């Protein structure tokens, strides 16, 4: 599998990605609703907790499950930590809750990406340009592109869970 481009993000993209972190840092994450979430993940080597604010592509109010994208590709630290089986928590600004995760399958990814693009309305060309730059291929309004994207920028579903008395997660 080819990896995403290693070209540094443009300055405007770095600022855009950093803005939600500042909101959470000030205790105002709930103002972002279900548009973003803060993922607290545990380092696979150090055991240290880290935070990442991620844009939510899809949210299911019934289950609390949110789908996010690894915009930095399959080697994003938060994704590598999840894959290593390390503990994770999600927050929509009301405090972190233990979470489980799963990879999003191809057909589900197509449906989620199509709906996500529709929500962008007239800003869709800008969104597609950003996805093209992050994924390293000419991302277009096709199901084939939507099927290909998660192989470069994985989609991950995060679901708040409760823990059993032995500490294992249970959804």
C-alpha atoms as a PDB file:
ATOM      1  CA  UNK A   1       0.000   0.000   0.000  1.00  0.00           C
ATOM      2  CA  UNK A   2       1.362   3.409  -0.899  1.00  0.00           C
ATOM      3  CA  UNK A   3       1.604   5.841   1.948  1.00  0.00           C
ATOM      4  CA  UNK A   4       0.235   9.363   1.887  1.00  0.00           C
ATOM      5  CA  UNK A   5       2.406  12.152   0.659  1.00  0.00           C
ATOM      6  CA  UNK A   6       5.017  13.382   3.114  1.00  0.00           C
ATOM      7  CA  UNK A   7       4.738  16.941   1.873  1.00  0.00           C
ATOM      8  CA  UNK A   8       4.257  19.247   4.864  1.00  0.00           C
ATOM      9  CA  UNK A   9       0.763  20.604   5.350  1.00  0.00           C
ATOM     10  CA  UNK A  10       0.158  24.151   4.148  1.00  0.00           C
ATOM     11  CA  UNK A  11       0.187  26.768   6.922  1.00  0.00           C
ATOM     12  CA  UNK A  12      -3.576  27.362   6.620  1.00  0.00           C
ATOM     13  CA  UNK A  13      -4.232  23.618   7.145  1.00  0.00           C
ATOM     14  CA  UNK A  14      -1.956  23.474  10.211  1.00  0.00           C
ATOM     15  CA  UNK A  15      -3.820  26.448  11.722  1.00  0.00           C
ATOM     16  CA  UNK A  16      -7.205  24.906  10.910  1.00  0.00           C
ATOM     17  CA  UNK A  17      -6.220  21.587  12.512  1.00  0.00           C
ATOM     18  CA  UNK A  18      -4.853  23.355  15.609  1.00  0.00           C
ATOM     19  CA  UNK A  19      -7.919  25.536  16.265  1.00  0.00           C
ATOM     20  CA  UNK A  20     -10.067  22.833  17.938  1.00  0.00           C
ATOM     21  CA  UNK A  21      -7.176  21.938  20.277  1.00  0.00           C
ATOM     22  CA  UNK A  22      -7.212  25.482  21.624  1.00  0.00           C
ATOM     23  CA  UNK A  23     -10.970  25.234  22.260  1.00  0.00           C
ATOM     24  CA  UNK A  24     -10.567  21.993  24.249  1.00  0.00           C
ATOM     25  CA  UNK A  25      -7.536  23.411  26.097  1.00  0.00           C
ATOM     26  CA  UNK A  26      -9.771  26.216  27.376  1.00  0.00           C
ATOM     27  CA  UNK A  27     -12.452  23.782  28.591  1.00  0.00           C
ATOM     28  CA  UNK A  28     -14.860  24.794  25.827  1.00  0.00           C
ATOM     29  CA  UNK A  29     -14.929  21.589  23.801  1.00  0.00           C
ATOM     30  CA  UNK A  30     -18.680  21.139  24.227  1.00  0.00           C
ATOM     31  CA  UNK A  31     -19.184  24.268  22.084  1.00  0.00           C
ATOM     32  CA  UNK A  32     -17.990  22.203  19.117  1.00  0.00           C
ATOM     33  CA  UNK A  33     -20.867  19.757  19.601  1.00  0.00           C
ATOM     34  CA  UNK A  34     -20.363  16.508  17.749  1.00  0.00           C
ATOM     35  CA  UNK A  35     -18.335  18.137  14.963  1.00  0.00           C
ATOM     36  CA  UNK A  36     -15.054  17.314  16.744  1.00  0.00           C
ATOM     37  CA  UNK A  37     -14.005  14.986  19.519  1.00  0.00           C
ATOM     38  CA  UNK A  38     -10.990  14.826  21.726  1.00  0.00           C
ATOM     39  CA  UNK A  39      -9.277  11.451  21.756  1.00  0.00           C
ATOM     40  CA  UNK A  40      -7.085  10.676  24.740  1.00  0.00           C
ATOM     41  CA  UNK A  41      -4.821   7.783  23.843  1.00  0.00           C
ATOM     42  CA  UNK A  42      -2.062   5.942  25.662  1.00  0.00           C
ATOM     43  CA  UNK A  43       1.416   5.773  24.153  1.00  0.00           C
ATOM     44  CA  UNK A  44       2.338   2.291  22.992  1.00  0.00           C
ATOM     45  CA  UNK A  45       5.957   2.583  24.209  1.00  0.00           C
ATOM     46  CA  UNK A  46       5.796   5.130  27.020  1.00  0.00           C
ATOM     47  CA  UNK A  47       2.346   4.570  28.510  1.00  0.00           C
ATOM     48  CA  UNK A  48       1.951   8.360  28.587  1.00  0.00           C
ATOM     49  CA  UNK A  49      -1.472   9.782  27.745  1.00  0.00           C
ATOM     50  CA  UNK A  50      -1.722  12.034  24.701  1.00  0.00           C
ATOM     51  CA  UNK A  51      -4.583  14.129  23.301  1.00  0.00           C
ATOM     52  CA  UNK A  52      -5.714  14.663  19.735  1.00  0.00           C
ATOM     53  CA  UNK A  53      -8.729  16.616  18.530  1.00  0.00           C
ATOM     54  CA  UNK A  54     -10.231  14.950  15.482  1.00  0.00           C
ATOM     55  CA  UNK A  55     -12.972  16.027  13.105  1.00  0.00           C
ATOM     56  CA  UNK A  56     -16.013  13.773  13.195  1.00  0.00           C
ATOM     57  CA  UNK A  57     -17.163  12.567   9.793  1.00  0.00           C
ATOM     58  CA  UNK A  58     -20.224  10.758  11.121  1.00  0.00           C
ATOM     59  CA  UNK A  59     -21.945  10.605  14.509  1.00  0.00           C
ATOM     60  CA  UNK A  60     -24.640   8.194  15.692  1.00  0.00           C
ATOM     61  CA  UNK A  61     -26.554   9.805  18.567  1.00  0.00           C
ATOM     62  CA  UNK A  62     -28.161   6.456  19.467  1.00  0.00           C
ATOM     63  CA  UNK A  63     -24.873   4.633  20.159  1.00  0.00           C
ATOM     64  CA  UNK A  64     -22.510   7.582  20.637  1.00  0.00           C
ATOM     65  CA  UNK A  65     -20.263   6.154  17.914  1.00  0.00           C
ATOM     66  CA  UNK A  66     -18.226   8.723  15.985  1.00  0.00           C
ATOM     67  CA  UNK A  67     -16.247   8.067  12.817  1.00  0.00           C
ATOM     68  CA  UNK A  68     -13.001  10.009  12.372  1.00  0.00           C
ATOM     69  CA  UNK A  69     -10.275  10.008   9.749  1.00  0.00           C
ATOM     70  CA  UNK A  70      -6.545   9.579  10.285  1.00  0.00           C
ATOM     71  CA  UNK A  71      -5.595  12.674   8.294  1.00  0.00           C
ATOM     72  CA  UNK A  72      -1.897  11.968   8.768  1.00  0.00           C
ATOM     73  CA  UNK A  73      -2.309   8.457   7.417  1.00  0.00           C
ATOM     74  CA  UNK A  74      -1.942   4.956   8.856  1.00  0.00           C
ATOM     75  CA  UNK A  75       1.158   5.958  10.816  1.00  0.00           C
ATOM     76  CA  UNK A  76      -0.617   8.639  12.860  1.00  0.00           C
ATOM     77  CA  UNK A  77       0.530   8.100  16.446  1.00  0.00           C
ATOM     78  CA  UNK A  78      -2.996   7.986  17.844  1.00  0.00           C
ATOM     79  CA  UNK A  79      -3.961   5.269  15.365  1.00  0.00           C
ATOM     80  CA  UNK A  80      -0.807   3.252  16.034  1.00  0.00           C
ATOM     81  CA  UNK A  81      -1.554   3.465  19.760  1.00  0.00           C
ATOM     82  CA  UNK A  82      -5.107   2.202  19.229  1.00  0.00           C
ATOM     83  CA  UNK A  83      -3.870  -0.634  17.007  1.00  0.00           C
ATOM     84  CA  UNK A  84      -1.385  -1.614  19.715  1.00  0.00           C
ATOM     85  CA  UNK A  85      -4.337  -2.190  22.039  1.00  0.00           C
ATOM     86  CA  UNK A  86      -3.642   0.782  24.253  1.00  0.00           C
ATOM     87  CA  UNK A  87      -6.411   2.410  26.307  1.00  0.00           C
ATOM     88  CA  UNK A  88      -8.382   5.283  24.795  1.00  0.00           C
ATOM     89  CA  UNK A  89     -11.025   7.778  25.891  1.00  0.00           C
ATOM     90  CA  UNK A  90     -13.279  10.097  23.881  1.00  0.00           C
ATOM     91  CA  UNK A  91     -14.800  13.410  24.859  1.00  0.00           C
ATOM     92  CA  UNK A  92     -17.209  15.806  23.231  1.00  0.00           C
ATOM     93  CA  UNK A  93     -16.283  18.434  25.816  1.00  0.00           C
ATOM     94  CA  UNK A  94     -18.053  16.893  28.794  1.00  0.00           C
ATOM     95  CA  UNK A  95     -15.155  14.816  30.061  1.00  0.00           C
ATOM     96  CA  UNK A  96     -13.496  11.717  28.667  1.00  0.00           C
ATOM     97  CA  UNK A  97     -15.228   8.346  28.565  1.00  0.00           C
ATOM     98  CA  UNK A  98     -13.492   5.002  27.952  1.00  0.00           C
ATOM     99  CA  UNK A  99     -13.802   4.009  24.303  1.00  0.00           C
ATOM    100  CA  UNK A 100     -13.491   1.059  21.993  1.00  0.00           C
ATOM    101  CA  UNK A 101     -12.614   1.364  18.321  1.00  0.00           C
ATOM    102  CA  UNK A 102     -12.981  -0.449  15.029  1.00  0.00           C
ATOM    103  CA  UNK A 103     -11.781   0.051  11.475  1.00  0.00           C
ATOM    104  CA  UNK A 104     -14.499   1.183   9.059  1.00  0.00           C
ATOM    105  CA  UNK A 105     -15.112  -1.159   6.115  1.00  0.00           C
ATOM    106  CA  UNK A 106     -15.109  -0.137   2.450  1.00  0.00           C
ATOM    107  CA  UNK A 107     -18.857   0.158   1.800  1.00  0.00           C
ATOM    108  CA  UNK A 108     -19.465   1.938   5.088  1.00  0.00           C
ATOM    109  CA  UNK A 109     -16.592   4.316   4.254  1.00  0.00           C
ATOM    110  CA  UNK A 110     -18.148   5.139   0.877  1.00  0.00           C
ATOM    111  CA  UNK A 111     -21.483   5.988   2.510  1.00  0.00           C
ATOM    112  CA  UNK A 112     -19.868   8.030   5.301  1.00  0.00           C
ATOM    113  CA  UNK A 113     -17.603   9.984   2.935  1.00  0.00           C
ATOM    114  CA  UNK A 114     -20.472  10.735   0.540  1.00  0.00           C
ATOM    115  CA  UNK A 115     -22.645  12.112   3.385  1.00  0.00           C
ATOM    116  CA  UNK A 116     -19.678  14.012   4.844  1.00  0.00           C
ATOM    117  CA  UNK A 117     -18.991  15.700   1.496  1.00  0.00           C
ATOM    118  CA  UNK A 118     -22.666  16.625   1.135  1.00  0.00           C
ATOM    119  CA  UNK A 119     -22.583  18.441   4.495  1.00  0.00           C
ATOM    120  CA  UNK A 120     -19.777  20.650   3.149  1.00  0.00           C
ATOM    121  CA  UNK A 121     -22.121  22.072   0.513  1.00  0.00           C
ATOM    122  CA  UNK A 122     -20.407  24.754  -1.572  1.00  0.00           C
ATOM    123  CA  UNK A 123     -17.108  24.119   0.238  1.00  0.00           C
ATOM    124  CA  UNK A 124     -16.843  20.593  -1.224  1.00  0.00           C
ATOM    125  CA  UNK A 125     -14.107  21.567  -3.715  1.00  0.00           C
ATOM    126  CA  UNK A 126     -11.955  22.829  -0.822  1.00  0.00           C
ATOM    127  CA  UNK A 127     -12.596  19.612   1.138  1.00  0.00           C
ATOM    128  CA  UNK A 128     -11.686  17.453  -1.860  1.00  0.00           C
ATOM    129  CA  UNK A 129      -8.500  19.465  -2.413  1.00  0.00           C
ATOM    130  CA  UNK A 130      -7.513  18.910   1.221  1.00  0.00           C
ATOM    131  CA  UNK A 131      -8.264  15.169   0.984  1.00  0.00           C
ATOM    132  CA  UNK A 132      -6.251  15.029  -2.257  1.00  0.00           C
ATOM    133  CA  UNK A 133      -3.279  16.717  -0.582  1.00  0.00           C
ATOM    134  CA  UNK A 134      -3.441  14.458   2.479  1.00  0.00           C
ATOM    135  CA  UNK A 135      -4.009  11.204   0.564  1.00  0.00           C
ATOM    136  CA  UNK A 136      -1.573  11.870  -2.269  1.00  0.00           C
ATOM    137  CA  UNK A 137      -3.956  11.078  -5.120  1.00  0.00           C
ATOM    138  CA  UNK A 138      -6.533  13.013  -7.145  1.00  0.00           C
ATOM    139  CA  UNK A 139      -9.546  12.603  -4.858  1.00  0.00           C
ATOM    140  CA  UNK A 140     -12.764  13.173  -6.800  1.00  0.00           C
ATOM    141  CA  UNK A 141     -16.513  12.808  -6.387  1.00  0.00           C
ATOM    142  CA  UNK A 142     -16.588   9.065  -7.154  1.00  0.00           C
ATOM    143  CA  UNK A 143     -17.242   5.944  -5.134  1.00  0.00           C
ATOM    144  CA  UNK A 144     -13.925   4.553  -6.384  1.00  0.00           C
ATOM    145  CA  UNK A 145     -12.081   7.498  -4.790  1.00  0.00           C
ATOM    146  CA  UNK A 146     -14.126   7.064  -1.610  1.00  0.00           C
ATOM    147  CA  UNK A 147     -13.217   3.357  -1.554  1.00  0.00           C
ATOM    148  CA  UNK A 148      -9.532   4.144  -2.099  1.00  0.00           C
ATOM    149  CA  UNK A 149      -9.245   6.955   0.472  1.00  0.00           C
ATOM    150  CA  UNK A 150      -9.443   4.841   3.678  1.00  0.00           C
ATOM    151  CA  UNK A 151      -6.503   2.766   2.480  1.00  0.00           C
ATOM    152  CA  UNK A 152      -4.433   5.972   2.604  1.00  0.00           C
ATOM    153  CA  UNK A 153      -6.277   7.795   5.396  1.00  0.00           C
ATOM    154  CA  UNK A 154      -7.976   5.169   7.589  1.00  0.00           C
ATOM    155  CA  UNK A 155     -11.474   5.762   8.917  1.00  0.00           C
ATOM    156  CA  UNK A 156     -11.941   4.717  12.533  1.00  0.00           C
ATOM    157  CA  UNK A 157     -15.165   4.374  14.522  1.00  0.00           C
ATOM    158  CA  UNK A 158     -14.839   5.269  18.214  1.00  0.00           C
ATOM    159  CA  UNK A 159     -17.571   4.289  20.634  1.00  0.00           C
ATOM    160  CA  UNK A 160     -17.821   5.232  24.310  1.00  0.00           C
ATOM    161  CA  UNK A 161     -17.877   2.113  26.448  1.00  0.00           C
ATOM    162  CA  UNK A 162     -18.245   1.071  30.026  1.00  0.00           C
ATOM    163  CA  UNK A 163     -15.695  -1.070  31.778  1.00  0.00           C
ATOM    164  CA  UNK A 164     -16.446  -4.304  33.528  1.00  0.00           C
ATOM    165  CA  UNK A 165     -15.131  -4.833  37.082  1.00  0.00           C
ATOM    166  CA  UNK A 166     -12.007  -6.545  35.683  1.00  0.00           C
ATOM    167  CA  UNK A 167     -11.215  -3.379  33.654  1.00  0.00           C
ATOM    168  CA  UNK A 168     -11.995  -4.788  30.211  1.00  0.00           C
ATOM    169  CA  UNK A 169     -14.055  -2.561  27.921  1.00  0.00           C
ATOM    170  CA  UNK A 170     -17.663  -3.445  27.157  1.00  0.00           C
ATOM    171  CA  UNK A 171     -19.774  -1.469  24.658  1.00  0.00           C
END
